[in-house]
Amino acid sequence: QVQLVESGGGLVQPGGSLRLSCAASGSIFRGVAMGWYRQAPGKQRELVASISWGGRKKYGDFVKGRFTVSRDNAKNTLSLQMNSLKPEDTAVYYCNEDPPFPGYWGQGTQVTVSS
């Protein structure tokens, strides 16, 4: 049974930083690209960043050098370091494969950027 558990969200002021983590268990992670996604109220879910099994990375245009995705293949964990956060980064953040598998969505972790 696949399980993805996101953590690390919270309330942060504009310009602040957060580090998100995703713990994967079950038949997932090995050999596949993994991604971070986000969904803000009233908006569609969008890809934030993804990383291949071999470490090739891609980012959404809105990231503009502020975020860094990484993975630990030995521990089945995915991370997202977010710096220079903006109010428009407020959303629920999820991890999943890239492209995402519909049945793998977890609860996500809320990120709120506000003064």
C-alpha atoms as a PDB file:
ATOM      1  CA  GLN A   1       0.000   0.000   0.000  1.00  0.00           C
ATOM      2  CA  VAL A   2       1.436   3.339  -1.075  1.00  0.00           C
ATOM      3  CA  GLN A   3       1.503   6.130   1.440  1.00  0.00           C
ATOM      4  CA  LEU A   4       2.863   9.648   1.073  1.00  0.00           C
ATOM      5  CA  VAL A   5       3.076  11.806   4.182  1.00  0.00           C
ATOM      6  CA  GLU A   6       3.929  15.470   3.850  1.00  0.00           C
ATOM      7  CA  SER A   7       5.181  17.619   6.720  1.00  0.00           C
ATOM      8  CA  GLY A   8       6.971  20.853   7.467  1.00  0.00           C
ATOM      9  CA  GLY A   9       4.351  23.424   6.556  1.00  0.00           C
ATOM     10  CA  GLY A  10       3.350  26.330   8.724  1.00  0.00           C
ATOM     11  CA  LEU A  11       2.902  30.062   8.980  1.00  0.00           C
ATOM     12  CA  VAL A  12       5.815  32.182   7.854  1.00  0.00           C
ATOM     13  CA  GLN A  13       6.315  35.856   7.123  1.00  0.00           C
ATOM     14  CA  PRO A  14       7.047  37.086   3.604  1.00  0.00           C
ATOM     15  CA  GLY A  15      10.718  36.567   2.824  1.00  0.00           C
ATOM     16  CA  GLY A  16      10.954  33.638   5.218  1.00  0.00           C
ATOM     17  CA  SER A  17      11.868  30.016   4.629  1.00  0.00           C
ATOM     18  CA  LEU A  18      10.365  26.590   5.150  1.00  0.00           C
ATOM     19  CA  ARG A  19      11.549  23.081   4.449  1.00  0.00           C
ATOM     20  CA  LEU A  20       8.953  20.521   3.445  1.00  0.00           C
ATOM     21  CA  SER A  21       9.448  16.779   3.700  1.00  0.00           C
ATOM     22  CA  CYS A  22       7.649  13.837   2.138  1.00  0.00           C
ATOM     23  CA  ALA A  23       8.015  10.305   3.476  1.00  0.00           C
ATOM     24  CA  ALA A  24       7.115   7.587   0.979  1.00  0.00           C
ATOM     25  CA  SER A  25       6.246   4.009   1.777  1.00  0.00           C
ATOM     26  CA  GLY A  26       5.011   1.108  -0.305  1.00  0.00           C
ATOM     27  CA  SER A  27       5.653   0.469  -3.976  1.00  0.00           C
ATOM     28  CA  ILE A  28       6.617   3.990  -4.926  1.00  0.00           C
ATOM     29  CA  PHE A  29       9.688   6.177  -5.223  1.00  0.00           C
ATOM     30  CA  ARG A  30      12.195   3.707  -6.602  1.00  0.00           C
ATOM     31  CA  GLY A  31      13.060   4.486 -10.202  1.00  0.00           C
ATOM     32  CA  VAL A  32      10.455   7.213 -10.706  1.00  0.00           C
ATOM     33  CA  ALA A  33      10.430  10.973 -10.785  1.00  0.00           C
ATOM     34  CA  MET A  34       8.843  12.585  -7.744  1.00  0.00           C
ATOM     35  CA  GLY A  35       7.269  15.991  -7.540  1.00  0.00           C
ATOM     36  CA  TRP A  36       5.945  18.659  -5.245  1.00  0.00           C
ATOM     37  CA  TYR A  37       2.599  20.151  -6.133  1.00  0.00           C
ATOM     38  CA  ARG A  38       0.482  22.866  -4.590  1.00  0.00           C
ATOM     39  CA  GLN A  39      -3.122  23.949  -4.614  1.00  0.00           C
ATOM     40  CA  ALA A  40      -4.284  27.344  -3.488  1.00  0.00           C
ATOM     41  CA  PRO A  41      -7.951  28.059  -2.683  1.00  0.00           C
ATOM     42  CA  GLY A  42      -9.978  28.357  -5.854  1.00  0.00           C
ATOM     43  CA  LYS A  43      -7.082  27.327  -8.093  1.00  0.00           C
ATOM     44  CA  GLN A  44      -6.008  24.147  -9.813  1.00  0.00           C
ATOM     45  CA  ARG A  45      -3.244  22.006  -8.448  1.00  0.00           C
ATOM     46  CA  GLU A  46       0.089  22.838 -10.096  1.00  0.00           C
ATOM     47  CA  LEU A  47       3.557  21.368 -10.242  1.00  0.00           C
ATOM     48  CA  VAL A  48       6.076  23.211  -8.078  1.00  0.00           C
ATOM     49  CA  ALA A  49       9.167  21.097  -8.656  1.00  0.00           C
ATOM     50  CA  SER A  50      10.151  17.598  -9.575  1.00  0.00           C
ATOM     51  CA  ILE A  51      13.269  15.451  -9.490  1.00  0.00           C
ATOM     52  CA  SER A  52      14.056  12.311 -11.437  1.00  0.00           C
ATOM     53  CA  TRP A  53      15.456   9.154  -9.914  1.00  0.00           C
ATOM     54  CA  GLY A  54      18.872  10.258 -11.160  1.00  0.00           C
ATOM     55  CA  GLY A  55      18.571  13.764  -9.760  1.00  0.00           C
ATOM     56  CA  ARG A  56      17.508  15.861 -12.758  1.00  0.00           C
ATOM     57  CA  LYS A  57      15.363  18.728 -11.531  1.00  0.00           C
ATOM     58  CA  LYS A  58      12.696  20.953 -12.990  1.00  0.00           C
ATOM     59  CA  TYR A  59      10.725  23.819 -11.511  1.00  0.00           C
ATOM     60  CA  GLY A  60       7.612  25.802 -12.154  1.00  0.00           C
ATOM     61  CA  ASP A  61       8.248  29.179 -13.752  1.00  0.00           C
ATOM     62  CA  PHE A  62       7.029  30.955 -10.630  1.00  0.00           C
ATOM     63  CA  VAL A  63       9.819  29.415  -8.503  1.00  0.00           C
ATOM     64  CA  LYS A  64      12.534  31.568 -10.087  1.00  0.00           C
ATOM     65  CA  GLY A  65      15.434  30.184  -8.075  1.00  0.00           C
ATOM     66  CA  ARG A  66      13.725  30.390  -4.689  1.00  0.00           C
ATOM     67  CA  PHE A  67      13.069  26.677  -4.101  1.00  0.00           C
ATOM     68  CA  THR A  68      15.291  23.609  -4.182  1.00  0.00           C
ATOM     69  CA  VAL A  69      13.980  20.061  -4.538  1.00  0.00           C
ATOM     70  CA  SER A  70      15.993  17.072  -3.355  1.00  0.00           C
ATOM     71  CA  ARG A  71      15.523  13.397  -2.644  1.00  0.00           C
ATOM     72  CA  ASP A  72      17.176  10.696  -0.566  1.00  0.00           C
ATOM     73  CA  ASN A  73      16.693   7.456  -2.463  1.00  0.00           C
ATOM     74  CA  ALA A  74      17.995   5.371   0.436  1.00  0.00           C
ATOM     75  CA  LYS A  75      15.415   6.783   2.830  1.00  0.00           C
ATOM     76  CA  ASN A  76      12.537   7.243   0.367  1.00  0.00           C
ATOM     77  CA  THR A  77      12.200  10.894   1.256  1.00  0.00           C
ATOM     78  CA  LEU A  78      11.586  13.964  -0.855  1.00  0.00           C
ATOM     79  CA  SER A  79      12.314  17.494   0.324  1.00  0.00           C
ATOM     80  CA  LEU A  80      11.566  21.037  -0.784  1.00  0.00           C
ATOM     81  CA  GLN A  81      13.582  23.944   0.583  1.00  0.00           C
ATOM     82  CA  MET A  82      11.619  27.133   0.081  1.00  0.00           C
ATOM     83  CA  ASN A  83      13.275  30.517   0.506  1.00  0.00           C
ATOM     84  CA  SER A  84      12.103  34.077  -0.132  1.00  0.00           C
ATOM     85  CA  LEU A  85       8.512  33.026   0.336  1.00  0.00           C
ATOM     86  CA  LYS A  86       5.746  35.272  -0.953  1.00  0.00           C
ATOM     87  CA  PRO A  87       2.079  35.547   0.015  1.00  0.00           C
ATOM     88  CA  GLU A  88       1.185  33.980  -3.338  1.00  0.00           C
ATOM     89  CA  ASP A  89       3.018  30.815  -2.263  1.00  0.00           C
ATOM     90  CA  THR A  90       0.223  30.182   0.233  1.00  0.00           C
ATOM     91  CA  ALA A  91      -1.273  26.792  -0.587  1.00  0.00           C
ATOM     92  CA  VAL A  92      -1.507  23.180   0.456  1.00  0.00           C
ATOM     93  CA  TYR A  93       1.607  21.371  -0.736  1.00  0.00           C
ATOM     94  CA  TYR A  94       1.570  17.720  -1.801  1.00  0.00           C
ATOM     95  CA  CYS A  95       4.062  15.183  -3.049  1.00  0.00           C
ATOM     96  CA  ASN A  96       3.372  12.561  -5.700  1.00  0.00           C
ATOM     97  CA  GLU A  97       5.001  10.974  -8.678  1.00  0.00           C
ATOM     98  CA  ASP A  98       5.677  13.101 -11.744  1.00  0.00           C
ATOM     99  CA  PRO A  99       3.342  12.768 -13.542  1.00  0.00           C
ATOM    100  CA  PRO A 100       1.053  12.288 -10.559  1.00  0.00           C
ATOM    101  CA  PHE A 101      -0.867   9.106  -9.889  1.00  0.00           C
ATOM    102  CA  PRO A 102      -4.411  10.022  -8.820  1.00  0.00           C
ATOM    103  CA  GLY A 103      -4.616   7.437  -6.073  1.00  0.00           C
ATOM    104  CA  TYR A 104      -1.460   8.573  -4.318  1.00  0.00           C
ATOM    105  CA  TRP A 105      -2.498  12.012  -3.111  1.00  0.00           C
ATOM    106  CA  GLY A 106      -1.977  12.448   0.638  1.00  0.00           C
ATOM    107  CA  GLN A 107      -3.288  15.051   3.036  1.00  0.00           C
ATOM    108  CA  GLY A 108      -0.699  17.624   2.119  1.00  0.00           C
ATOM    109  CA  THR A 109       0.852  20.256   4.340  1.00  0.00           C
ATOM    110  CA  GLN A 110      -0.433  23.816   4.618  1.00  0.00           C
ATOM    111  CA  VAL A 111       1.938  26.675   3.882  1.00  0.00           C
ATOM    112  CA  THR A 112       0.731  30.139   4.774  1.00  0.00           C
ATOM    113  CA  VAL A 113       2.822  33.195   3.982  1.00  0.00           C
ATOM    114  CA  SER A 114       1.495  36.239   5.762  1.00  0.00           C
ATOM    115  CA  SER A 115       2.632  39.126   7.893  1.00  0.00           C
END
